[in-house]
Amino acid sequence: MAGIEVLSREGALDILSCLGAAGGLGFSELKPLTKTAKTLSSRLKELSEAGLIAKDRRVYTITESGRDVLKLARELESMIGGVAKSPIRVDQLSRVCVEAYREYLRGYVEALSRHFGGRLVSVVVFGSVARGRARVNEGDIDVLVIVEDWRAEAWERLEELAGVEEELRKGGLSRLLAKRGIWPVLQNYPLSREEAGVFQRIYLDMVFEAIVLYDLDGFFESLMDRLRRRLAELGSRRVQLPDGSWYWVLKPDLKFGEDVTI
């Protein structure tokens, strides 16, 4: 495919990734992606000549050919030791209400996949981002991460995930977002697959609003289906308050001393 060789040069892949994520960007906004302005000028010229990006006045955008090449480049990146791995599929990104966060979350899921390999079970965004109420730099991005056979302590898991995100932050997209004053902050909720199979209170925040970015064999979706059925059996209802907050009435006809199991 024409233009794929250009991506081996400094900053080229970062430029394509950022234009794919952010849409049109000017020269000054792209500066963090290369060491010098001269290098950036060269990359932009090469990418334009290859038909991967276009320039309208002072704004650069990615072309359809550029998107095709970017997709292929991501597939090639997944090749380890000469053996091709199927690139991880990241779903439902269009549901992330803050557009600037979408490619960052894609990168995070891909980084998690590289780190955990086949042990990665599910990655789910919930909270204000899933409810469509989040704004740039206001609050955290709540992310549930489920991993097979995760025996570390909770604080060790959080440190491990922080290390994964630290690697992600070294990339060009993070530098570009920082240049634009955008600082995605992830709030991770790490669970082993075994723990996730038992009801967790945070699941009540995901029954109606959860963005499932990755779900091996539909594991998380099956948990939510089971929870919805149980809530229906109990006659549970969620009460929405004027300020956007809510609470659950799990069993409206609950009798004194009665236990409720979810």
Protein backbone atom coordinates (compact mmCIF):
# COMPACT_ATOMS: atom_id res chain seq x y z
CA MET A 1 0.00 0.00 0.00
CA ALA A 2 1.34 3.39 -1.03
CA GLY A 3 2.76 5.47 1.79
CA ILE A 4 3.24 2.74 4.35
CA GLU A 5 7.04 3.14 4.24
CA VAL A 6 6.72 6.79 5.28
CA LEU A 7 5.47 5.69 8.68
CA SER A 8 8.89 4.34 9.64
CA ARG A 9 10.20 7.90 9.82
CA GLU A 10 10.23 10.00 12.98
CA GLY A 11 6.83 11.36 13.95
CA ALA A 12 4.94 10.09 10.91
CA LEU A 13 2.81 7.51 12.67
CA ASP A 14 2.15 9.88 15.57
CA ILE A 15 1.00 12.55 13.12
CA LEU A 16 -1.45 10.17 11.45
CA SER A 17 -2.72 8.86 14.79
CA CYS A 18 -3.32 12.34 16.16
CA LEU A 19 -5.05 13.60 13.03
CA GLY A 20 -7.21 10.48 13.10
CA ALA A 21 -8.16 11.22 16.69
CA ALA A 22 -8.47 14.98 16.72
CA GLY A 23 -9.51 15.86 13.18
CA GLY A 24 -7.95 19.02 11.72
CA LEU A 25 -4.83 20.37 13.39
CA GLY A 26 -2.46 23.20 12.61
CA PHE A 27 1.34 23.10 12.37
CA SER A 28 1.86 24.55 15.84
CA GLU A 29 -0.47 21.97 17.39
CA LEU A 30 1.54 19.16 15.77
CA LYS A 31 4.92 20.47 16.95
CA PRO A 32 5.14 18.21 20.04
CA LEU A 33 5.21 15.14 17.79
CA THR A 34 8.74 15.69 16.43
CA LYS A 35 12.01 16.94 17.87
CA THR A 36 12.31 19.91 15.50
CA ALA A 37 10.03 22.05 13.34
CA LYS A 38 12.16 21.12 10.32
CA THR A 39 11.47 17.43 10.87
CA LEU A 40 7.76 18.13 11.23
CA SER A 41 7.75 20.07 7.93
CA SER A 42 9.44 17.15 6.19
CA ARG A 43 6.99 14.59 7.59
CA LEU A 44 3.96 16.67 6.67
CA LYS A 45 5.27 17.09 3.14
CA GLU A 46 5.96 13.36 2.77
CA LEU A 47 2.58 12.37 4.15
CA SER A 48 0.85 14.87 1.86
CA GLU A 49 2.73 13.59 -1.20
CA ALA A 50 1.75 10.04 -0.27
CA GLY A 51 -1.90 11.11 -0.14
CA LEU A 52 -2.24 10.23 3.54
CA ILE A 53 -3.03 13.74 4.75
CA ALA A 54 -4.46 16.86 3.15
CA LYS A 55 -4.00 20.55 3.86
CA ASP A 56 -6.73 23.15 3.67
CA ARG A 57 -5.25 26.56 4.33
CA ARG A 58 -3.36 26.02 7.59
CA VAL A 59 -5.17 22.92 8.79
CA TYR A 60 -4.04 19.33 8.20
CA THR A 61 -6.52 16.43 8.09
CA ILE A 62 -6.19 12.69 7.54
CA THR A 63 -7.51 11.24 4.26
CA GLU A 64 -9.35 7.95 3.77
CA SER A 65 -6.12 6.48 2.40
CA GLY A 66 -4.42 7.72 5.54
CA ARG A 67 -6.96 5.93 7.72
CA ASP A 68 -6.43 2.71 5.75
CA VAL A 69 -2.66 2.95 6.16
CA LEU A 70 -3.01 3.77 9.87
CA LYS A 71 -5.16 0.67 10.35
CA LEU A 72 -2.59 -1.47 8.56
CA ALA A 73 0.24 0.05 10.60
CA ARG A 74 -1.56 -0.86 13.83
CA GLU A 75 -1.91 -4.43 12.59
CA LEU A 76 1.80 -4.56 11.79
CA GLU A 77 2.62 -3.24 15.26
CA SER A 78 0.89 -6.28 16.70
CA MET A 79 3.41 -8.60 15.06
CA ILE A 80 5.80 -10.04 17.63
CA GLY A 81 8.72 -12.25 16.74
CA GLY A 82 7.51 -12.55 13.17
CA VAL A 83 4.21 -14.15 14.22
CA ALA A 84 1.13 -12.06 13.52
CA LYS A 85 -1.35 -11.59 16.31
CA SER A 86 -4.89 -10.46 15.59
CA PRO A 87 -5.06 -6.77 16.56
CA ILE A 88 -7.34 -6.22 19.50
CA ARG A 89 -10.71 -4.83 18.57
CA VAL A 90 -11.79 -1.79 20.57
CA ASP A 91 -15.55 -1.34 20.49
CA GLN A 92 -18.03 1.47 21.24
CA LEU A 93 -15.48 4.31 21.17
CA SER A 94 -18.01 6.56 19.45
CA ARG A 95 -20.07 6.44 22.66
CA VAL A 96 -17.32 8.20 24.63
CA CYS A 97 -18.84 11.66 25.03
CA VAL A 98 -15.51 13.53 25.09
CA GLU A 99 -14.07 13.08 21.61
CA ALA A 100 -10.55 13.94 22.72
CA TYR A 101 -10.56 10.91 25.04
CA ARG A 102 -11.47 8.33 22.40
CA GLU A 103 -8.06 7.62 20.87
CA TYR A 104 -6.47 7.79 24.31
CA LEU A 105 -8.79 5.04 25.50
CA ARG A 106 -8.11 3.04 22.35
CA GLY A 107 -4.41 3.31 23.09
CA TYR A 108 -4.99 2.26 26.69
CA VAL A 109 -6.88 -0.89 25.70
CA GLU A 110 -4.17 -1.76 23.17
CA ALA A 111 -1.50 -1.17 25.83
CA LEU A 112 -3.38 -3.41 28.27
CA SER A 113 -3.57 -6.10 25.60
CA ARG A 114 0.17 -5.94 25.01
CA HIS A 115 0.85 -6.08 28.75
CA PHE A 116 -1.55 -8.85 29.78
CA GLY A 117 -1.85 -10.73 26.50
CA GLY A 118 -4.58 -13.37 26.54
CA ARG A 119 -5.22 -12.76 30.26
CA LEU A 120 -7.08 -9.53 29.50
CA VAL A 121 -10.79 -10.23 29.89
CA SER A 122 -12.74 -6.95 29.85
CA VAL A 123 -12.20 -3.18 29.77
CA VAL A 124 -15.29 -1.09 30.56
CA VAL A 125 -15.77 2.67 30.90
CA PHE A 126 -18.50 3.79 33.29
CA GLY A 127 -19.43 6.83 35.38
CA SER A 128 -19.86 10.32 33.96
CA VAL A 129 -18.10 9.53 30.67
CA ALA A 130 -20.49 6.64 29.98
CA ARG A 131 -23.49 8.75 31.05
CA GLY A 132 -22.53 11.48 28.60
CA ARG A 133 -22.12 14.11 31.33
CA ALA A 134 -18.32 14.41 31.38
CA ARG A 135 -16.41 17.46 30.23
CA VAL A 136 -12.76 17.79 29.28
CA ASN A 137 -10.50 17.84 32.34
CA GLU A 138 -13.48 17.61 34.71
CA GLY A 139 -13.28 14.45 36.79
CA ASP A 140 -11.71 11.08 36.14
CA ILE A 141 -12.43 8.46 33.50
CA ASP A 142 -13.68 5.44 35.43
CA VAL A 143 -12.35 2.20 33.91
CA LEU A 144 -13.07 -1.35 35.03
CA VAL A 145 -10.22 -3.71 34.10
CA ILE A 146 -10.81 -7.45 34.45
CA VAL A 147 -7.84 -9.82 34.13
CA GLU A 148 -7.65 -13.61 34.30
CA ASP A 149 -5.83 -15.10 37.30
CA TRP A 150 -4.89 -11.71 38.80
CA ARG A 151 -3.58 -12.68 42.22
CA ALA A 152 -1.78 -9.46 43.18
CA GLU A 153 -3.04 -7.22 45.98
CA ALA A 154 -5.29 -4.31 45.00
CA TRP A 155 -2.53 -1.69 45.44
CA GLU A 156 -0.13 -3.81 43.38
CA ARG A 157 -2.69 -4.05 40.58
CA LEU A 158 -3.13 -0.29 40.58
CA GLU A 159 0.62 0.17 40.37
CA GLU A 160 0.77 -2.28 37.50
CA LEU A 161 -1.95 -0.39 35.62
CA ALA A 162 -0.21 2.92 36.35
CA GLY A 163 2.89 1.47 34.68
CA VAL A 164 0.86 0.54 31.60
CA GLU A 165 -0.56 4.06 31.41
CA GLU A 166 2.91 5.56 31.90
CA GLU A 167 4.07 3.77 28.74
CA LEU A 168 1.02 5.12 26.92
CA ARG A 169 1.82 8.68 28.04
CA LYS A 170 5.21 8.49 26.30
CA GLY A 171 3.44 8.39 22.93
CA GLY A 172 2.76 11.26 20.60
CA LEU A 173 -0.98 11.43 21.24
CA SER A 174 -0.44 12.15 24.93
CA ARG A 175 2.03 14.91 24.12
CA LEU A 176 -0.41 16.45 21.67
CA LEU A 177 -3.29 16.31 24.16
CA ALA A 178 -1.06 17.91 26.79
CA LYS A 179 -0.11 20.65 24.33
CA ARG A 180 -3.83 21.36 23.90
CA GLY A 181 -4.33 21.43 27.67
CA ILE A 182 -6.13 18.08 27.78
CA TRP A 183 -5.10 15.69 30.56
CA PRO A 184 -7.06 12.42 30.62
CA VAL A 185 -6.99 10.95 34.13
CA LEU A 186 -7.92 7.29 34.48
CA GLN A 187 -9.46 5.90 37.66
CA ASN A 188 -8.88 2.17 37.40
CA TYR A 189 -10.98 -0.49 39.14
CA PRO A 190 -8.99 -3.74 38.83
CA LEU A 191 -10.67 -7.12 39.31
CA SER A 192 -9.70 -10.69 38.65
CA ARG A 193 -12.12 -12.72 36.55
CA GLU A 194 -13.10 -14.71 39.63
CA GLU A 195 -13.84 -11.54 41.63
CA ALA A 196 -15.77 -10.04 38.74
CA GLY A 197 -18.05 -13.06 38.66
CA VAL A 198 -19.37 -12.07 42.10
CA PHE A 199 -21.67 -9.04 42.38
CA GLN A 200 -19.79 -5.78 42.91
CA ARG A 201 -21.56 -2.60 44.03
CA ILE A 202 -20.04 -0.61 41.19
CA TYR A 203 -22.02 -2.81 38.78
CA LEU A 204 -25.14 -0.83 39.70
CA ASP A 205 -23.44 2.11 37.97
CA MET A 206 -23.07 0.04 34.80
CA VAL A 207 -26.48 -1.58 34.36
CA PHE A 208 -27.75 1.06 31.95
CA GLU A 209 -24.61 3.09 31.15
CA ALA A 210 -21.43 1.22 30.40
CA ILE A 211 -19.13 1.50 27.41
CA VAL A 212 -17.65 -1.94 26.80
CA LEU A 213 -14.37 -1.31 24.99
CA TYR A 214 -13.19 -4.90 25.13
CA ASP A 215 -14.96 -8.04 26.31
CA LEU A 216 -13.43 -11.47 25.76
CA ASP A 217 -16.15 -13.97 24.86
CA GLY A 218 -18.81 -11.55 26.10
CA PHE A 219 -17.85 -12.14 29.75
CA PHE A 220 -18.86 -8.72 31.10
CA GLU A 221 -22.00 -8.50 28.98
CA SER A 222 -23.15 -11.84 30.42
CA LEU A 223 -22.62 -10.45 33.94
CA MET A 224 -24.78 -7.43 33.12
CA ASP A 225 -27.50 -9.58 31.55
CA ARG A 226 -27.60 -11.71 34.70
CA LEU A 227 -27.73 -8.62 36.91
CA ARG A 228 -30.54 -7.04 34.89
CA ARG A 229 -32.61 -10.21 35.18
CA ARG A 230 -32.08 -10.31 38.94
CA LEU A 231 -33.02 -6.65 39.35
CA ALA A 232 -36.17 -7.29 37.33
CA GLU A 233 -37.05 -10.23 39.59
CA LEU A 234 -36.70 -8.00 42.65
CA GLY A 235 -38.74 -5.21 41.10
CA SER A 236 -35.76 -2.87 41.50
CA ARG A 237 -35.93 0.64 40.15
CA ARG A 238 -33.43 3.42 39.80
CA VAL A 239 -34.59 6.83 41.00
CA GLN A 240 -33.14 9.81 39.16
CA LEU A 241 -32.72 13.08 41.08
CA PRO A 242 -32.92 16.58 39.54
CA ASP A 243 -29.17 17.11 39.87
CA GLY A 244 -28.45 14.03 37.73
CA SER A 245 -27.52 11.76 40.62
CA TRP A 246 -29.54 8.65 41.39
CA TYR A 247 -30.12 5.87 43.85
CA TRP A 248 -31.52 2.35 43.67
CA VAL A 249 -34.58 0.96 45.40
CA LEU A 250 -33.53 -2.66 45.17
CA LYS A 251 -36.70 -4.25 46.59
CA PRO A 252 -39.69 -1.95 46.98
CA ASP A 253 -41.64 -4.49 49.06
CA LEU A 254 -38.73 -5.33 51.36
CA LYS A 255 -39.89 -6.61 54.76
CA PHE A 256 -38.11 -5.95 58.04
CA GLY A 257 -35.33 -8.49 58.63
CA GLU A 258 -35.45 -9.81 55.06
CA ASP A 259 -32.14 -10.42 53.29
CA VAL A 260 -31.71 -9.42 49.65
CA THR A 261 -29.17 -11.24 47.52
CA ILE A 262 -28.16 -9.89 44.14
